[in-house]
Amino acid sequence: MSAPAPPLASDLLAGLRRLKLAGVRHIAPEVCQTAKTQRWSPEELLRTLI
């Protein structure tokens, strides 16, 4: 079992809240952790979040 993903930085959470992206805000910590581990390109990270 893997460790829980670290929370997003407060400025990122605030930005996602302002943009009304609750779904992205919910999945972003895990997706960011996966992207970092698997060395995704920025485009792949954005594609997955969207």
PDB file of N, CA and C in Angstrom:
ATOM      1  N   MET A   1       0.850  -1.190   0.000  1.00  0.00           N
ATOM      2  CA  MET A   1       0.000   0.000   0.000  1.00  0.00           C
ATOM      3  C   MET A   1       0.885   1.239   0.000  1.00  0.00           C
ATOM      4  N   SER A   2       0.560   2.199  -0.858  1.00  0.00           N
ATOM      5  CA  SER A   2       1.387   3.391  -0.970  1.00  0.00           C
ATOM      6  C   SER A   2       0.968   4.454   0.045  1.00  0.00           C
ATOM      7  N   ALA A   3       1.891   5.356   0.293  1.00  0.00           N
ATOM      8  CA  ALA A   3       1.626   6.449   1.238  1.00  0.00           C
ATOM      9  C   ALA A   3       0.632   7.419   0.619  1.00  0.00           C
ATOM     10  N   PRO A   4      -0.157   8.083   1.441  1.00  0.00           N
ATOM     11  CA  PRO A   4      -1.097   9.064   0.903  1.00  0.00           C
ATOM     12  C   PRO A   4      -0.346  10.224   0.240  1.00  0.00           C
ATOM     13  N   ALA A   5      -0.957  10.776  -0.783  1.00  0.00           N
ATOM     14  CA  ALA A   5      -0.340  11.894  -1.501  1.00  0.00           C
ATOM     15  C   ALA A   5      -0.290  13.125  -0.606  1.00  0.00           C
ATOM     16  N   PRO A   6       0.801  13.884  -0.676  1.00  0.00           N
ATOM     17  CA  PRO A   6       0.871  15.118   0.115  1.00  0.00           C
ATOM     18  C   PRO A   6      -0.159  16.124  -0.409  1.00  0.00           C
ATOM     19  N   PRO A   7      -0.685  16.954   0.462  1.00  0.00           N
ATOM     20  CA  PRO A   7      -1.686  17.941   0.031  1.00  0.00           C
ATOM     21  C   PRO A   7      -1.071  18.984  -0.899  1.00  0.00           C
ATOM     22  N   LEU A   8      -1.919  19.601  -1.688  1.00  0.00           N
ATOM     23  CA  LEU A   8      -1.470  20.688  -2.558  1.00  0.00           C
ATOM     24  C   LEU A   8      -1.126  21.913  -1.724  1.00  0.00           C
ATOM     25  N   ALA A   9      -0.262  22.736  -2.265  1.00  0.00           N
ATOM     26  CA  ALA A   9       0.083  24.006  -1.616  1.00  0.00           C
ATOM     27  C   ALA A   9      -1.163  24.885  -1.535  1.00  0.00           C
ATOM     28  N   SER A  10      -1.222  25.702  -0.522  1.00  0.00           N
ATOM     29  CA  SER A  10      -2.414  26.526  -0.290  1.00  0.00           C
ATOM     30  C   SER A  10      -2.723  27.461  -1.459  1.00  0.00           C
ATOM     31  N   ASP A  11      -1.692  27.983  -2.133  1.00  0.00           N
ATOM     32  CA  ASP A  11      -1.956  28.870  -3.272  1.00  0.00           C
ATOM     33  C   ASP A  11      -2.586  28.120  -4.435  1.00  0.00           C
ATOM     34  N   LEU A  12      -2.190  26.863  -4.634  1.00  0.00           N
ATOM     35  CA  LEU A  12      -2.803  26.055  -5.690  1.00  0.00           C
ATOM     36  C   LEU A  12      -4.256  25.733  -5.341  1.00  0.00           C
ATOM     37  N   LEU A  13      -4.492  25.376  -4.092  1.00  0.00           N
ATOM     38  CA  LEU A  13      -5.868  25.107  -3.669  1.00  0.00           C
ATOM     39  C   LEU A  13      -6.747  26.339  -3.857  1.00  0.00           C
ATOM     40  N   ALA A  14      -6.223  27.492  -3.485  1.00  0.00           N
ATOM     41  CA  ALA A  14      -6.993  28.729  -3.628  1.00  0.00           C
ATOM     42  C   ALA A  14      -7.286  29.032  -5.099  1.00  0.00           C
ATOM     43  N   GLY A  15      -6.311  28.824  -5.956  1.00  0.00           N
ATOM     44  CA  GLY A  15      -6.517  29.060  -7.384  1.00  0.00           C
ATOM     45  C   GLY A  15      -7.548  28.125  -7.981  1.00  0.00           C
ATOM     46  N   LEU A  16      -7.475  26.852  -7.617  1.00  0.00           N
ATOM     47  CA  LEU A  16      -8.458  25.885  -8.112  1.00  0.00           C
ATOM     48  C   LEU A  16      -9.852  26.192  -7.575  1.00  0.00           C
ATOM     49  N   ARG A  17      -9.921  26.686  -6.352  1.00  0.00           N
ATOM     50  CA  ARG A  17     -11.210  27.084  -5.760  1.00  0.00           C
ATOM     51  C   ARG A  17     -11.777  28.283  -6.519  1.00  0.00           C
ATOM     52  N   ARG A  18     -10.918  29.283  -6.812  1.00  0.00           N
ATOM     53  CA  ARG A  18     -11.363  30.469  -7.569  1.00  0.00           C
ATOM     54  C   ARG A  18     -11.871  30.081  -8.954  1.00  0.00           C
ATOM     55  N   LEU A  19     -11.209  29.097  -9.565  1.00  0.00           N
ATOM     56  CA  LEU A  19     -11.611  28.651 -10.901  1.00  0.00           C
ATOM     57  C   LEU A  19     -12.783  27.673 -10.865  1.00  0.00           C
ATOM     58  N   LYS A  20     -13.236  27.337  -9.660  1.00  0.00           N
ATOM     59  CA  LYS A  20     -14.358  26.419  -9.456  1.00  0.00           C
ATOM     60  C   LYS A  20     -14.081  25.054 -10.074  1.00  0.00           C
ATOM     61  N   LEU A  21     -12.878  24.533  -9.785  1.00  0.00           N
ATOM     62  CA  LEU A  21     -12.456  23.229 -10.292  1.00  0.00           C
ATOM     63  C   LEU A  21     -12.376  22.227  -9.143  1.00  0.00           C
ATOM     64  N   ALA A  22     -13.513  21.969  -8.524  1.00  0.00           N
ATOM     65  CA  ALA A  22     -13.557  21.069  -7.365  1.00  0.00           C
ATOM     66  C   ALA A  22     -13.083  19.660  -7.724  1.00  0.00           C
ATOM     67  N   GLY A  23     -13.445  19.184  -8.896  1.00  0.00           N
ATOM     68  CA  GLY A  23     -13.031  17.847  -9.308  1.00  0.00           C
ATOM     69  C   GLY A  23     -11.526  17.739  -9.433  1.00  0.00           C
ATOM     70  N   VAL A  24     -10.922  18.734 -10.053  1.00  0.00           N
ATOM     71  CA  VAL A  24      -9.461  18.762 -10.191  1.00  0.00           C
ATOM     72  C   VAL A  24      -8.816  18.899  -8.816  1.00  0.00           C
ATOM     73  N   ARG A  25      -9.393  19.757  -7.980  1.00  0.00           N
ATOM     74  CA  ARG A  25      -8.863  19.951  -6.628  1.00  0.00           C
ATOM     75  C   ARG A  25      -8.874  18.638  -5.855  1.00  0.00           C
ATOM     76  N   HIS A  26      -9.876  17.826  -6.085  1.00  0.00           N
ATOM     77  CA  HIS A  26     -10.009  16.558  -5.375  1.00  0.00           C
ATOM     78  C   HIS A  26      -8.956  15.529  -5.818  1.00  0.00           C
ATOM     79  N   ILE A  27      -8.695  15.441  -7.127  1.00  0.00           N
ATOM     80  CA  ILE A  27      -7.784  14.403  -7.635  1.00  0.00           C
ATOM     81  C   ILE A  27      -6.340  14.871  -7.785  1.00  0.00           C
ATOM     82  N   ALA A  28      -6.104  16.172  -7.757  1.00  0.00           N
ATOM     83  CA  ALA A  28      -4.780  16.728  -8.043  1.00  0.00           C
ATOM     84  C   ALA A  28      -3.648  16.177  -7.170  1.00  0.00           C
ATOM     85  N   PRO A  29      -3.819  16.049  -5.855  1.00  0.00           N
ATOM     86  CA  PRO A  29      -2.680  15.549  -5.073  1.00  0.00           C
ATOM     87  C   PRO A  29      -2.187  14.174  -5.533  1.00  0.00           C
ATOM     88  N   GLU A  30      -3.099  13.266  -5.768  1.00  0.00           N
ATOM     89  CA  GLU A  30      -2.710  11.922  -6.209  1.00  0.00           C
ATOM     90  C   GLU A  30      -2.122  11.945  -7.620  1.00  0.00           C
ATOM     91  N   VAL A  31      -2.736  12.711  -8.508  1.00  0.00           N
ATOM     92  CA  VAL A  31      -2.244  12.797  -9.890  1.00  0.00           C
ATOM     93  C   VAL A  31      -0.859  13.440  -9.910  1.00  0.00           C
ATOM     94  N   CYS A  32      -0.645  14.476  -9.117  1.00  0.00           N
ATOM     95  CA  CYS A  32       0.671  15.128  -9.061  1.00  0.00           C
ATOM     96  C   CYS A  32       1.738  14.176  -8.530  1.00  0.00           C
ATOM     97  N   GLN A  33       1.377  13.397  -7.528  1.00  0.00           N
ATOM     98  CA  GLN A  33       2.322  12.422  -6.981  1.00  0.00           C
ATOM     99  C   GLN A  33       2.690  11.379  -8.045  1.00  0.00           C
ATOM    100  N   THR A  34       1.701  10.889  -8.768  1.00  0.00           N
ATOM    101  CA  THR A  34       1.953   9.919  -9.835  1.00  0.00           C
ATOM    102  C   THR A  34       2.818  10.543 -10.925  1.00  0.00           C
ATOM    103  N   ALA A  35       2.497  11.783 -11.307  1.00  0.00           N
ATOM    104  CA  ALA A  35       3.251  12.464 -12.358  1.00  0.00           C
ATOM    105  C   ALA A  35       4.712  12.627 -11.968  1.00  0.00           C
ATOM    106  N   LYS A  36       4.949  12.978 -10.729  1.00  0.00           N
ATOM    107  CA  LYS A  36       6.328  13.152 -10.269  1.00  0.00           C
ATOM    108  C   LYS A  36       7.073  11.819 -10.261  1.00  0.00           C
ATOM    109  N   THR A  37       6.417  10.785  -9.762  1.00  0.00           N
ATOM    110  CA  THR A  37       7.033   9.459  -9.687  1.00  0.00           C
ATOM    111  C   THR A  37       7.349   8.907 -11.077  1.00  0.00           C
ATOM    112  N   GLN A  38       6.420   9.101 -12.010  1.00  0.00           N
ATOM    113  CA  GLN A  38       6.585   8.544 -13.351  1.00  0.00           C
ATOM    114  C   GLN A  38       7.209   9.523 -14.339  1.00  0.00           C
ATOM    115  N   ARG A  39       7.598  10.690 -13.839  1.00  0.00           N
ATOM    116  CA  ARG A  39       8.268  11.710 -14.657  1.00  0.00           C
ATOM    117  C   ARG A  39       7.464  12.098 -15.901  1.00  0.00           C
ATOM    118  N   TRP A  40       6.189  12.409 -15.671  1.00  0.00           N
ATOM    119  CA  TRP A  40       5.336  12.846 -16.765  1.00  0.00           C
ATOM    120  C   TRP A  40       5.764  14.220 -17.245  1.00  0.00           C
ATOM    121  N   SER A  41       5.486  14.489 -18.503  1.00  0.00           N
ATOM    122  CA  SER A  41       5.700  15.837 -19.037  1.00  0.00           C
ATOM    123  C   SER A  41       4.586  16.739 -18.493  1.00  0.00           C
ATOM    124  N   PRO A  42       4.826  18.045 -18.479  1.00  0.00           N
ATOM    125  CA  PRO A  42       3.766  18.954 -18.026  1.00  0.00           C
ATOM    126  C   PRO A  42       2.467  18.781 -18.821  1.00  0.00           C
ATOM    127  N   GLU A  43       2.597  18.533 -20.117  1.00  0.00           N
ATOM    128  CA  GLU A  43       1.413  18.351 -20.952  1.00  0.00           C
ATOM    129  C   GLU A  43       0.621  17.117 -20.525  1.00  0.00           C
ATOM    130  N   GLU A  44       1.312  16.043 -20.189  1.00  0.00           N
ATOM    131  CA  GLU A  44       0.617  14.829 -19.766  1.00  0.00           C
ATOM    132  C   GLU A  44      -0.084  15.049 -18.437  1.00  0.00           C
ATOM    133  N   LEU A  45       0.548  15.771 -17.530  1.00  0.00           N
ATOM    134  CA  LEU A  45      -0.088  16.088 -16.251  1.00  0.00           C
ATOM    135  C   LEU A  45      -1.360  16.892 -16.476  1.00  0.00           C
ATOM    136  N   LEU A  46      -1.291  17.940 -17.273  1.00  0.00           N
ATOM    137  CA  LEU A  46      -2.464  18.745 -17.548  1.00  0.00           C
ATOM    138  C   LEU A  46      -3.565  17.944 -18.252  1.00  0.00           C
ATOM    139  N   ARG A  47      -3.175  17.127 -19.208  1.00  0.00           N
ATOM    140  CA  ARG A  47      -4.130  16.286 -19.934  1.00  0.00           C
ATOM    141  C   ARG A  47      -4.883  15.384 -18.967  1.00  0.00           C
ATOM    142  N   THR A  48      -4.188  14.817 -18.005  1.00  0.00           N
ATOM    143  CA  THR A  48      -4.803  13.915 -17.031  1.00  0.00           C
ATOM    144  C   THR A  48      -5.726  14.673 -16.088  1.00  0.00           C
ATOM    145  N   LEU A  49      -5.308  15.842 -15.648  1.00  0.00           N
ATOM    146  CA  LEU A  49      -6.155  16.629 -14.753  1.00  0.00           C
ATOM    147  C   LEU A  49      -7.424  17.121 -15.427  1.00  0.00           C
ATOM    148  N   ILE A  50      -7.298  17.473 -16.693  1.00  0.00           N
ATOM    149  CA  ILE A  50      -8.464  17.990 -17.430  1.00  0.00           C
ATOM    150  C   ILE A  50      -9.313  16.840 -17.909  1.00  0.00           C
TER     151      ILE A  50
END
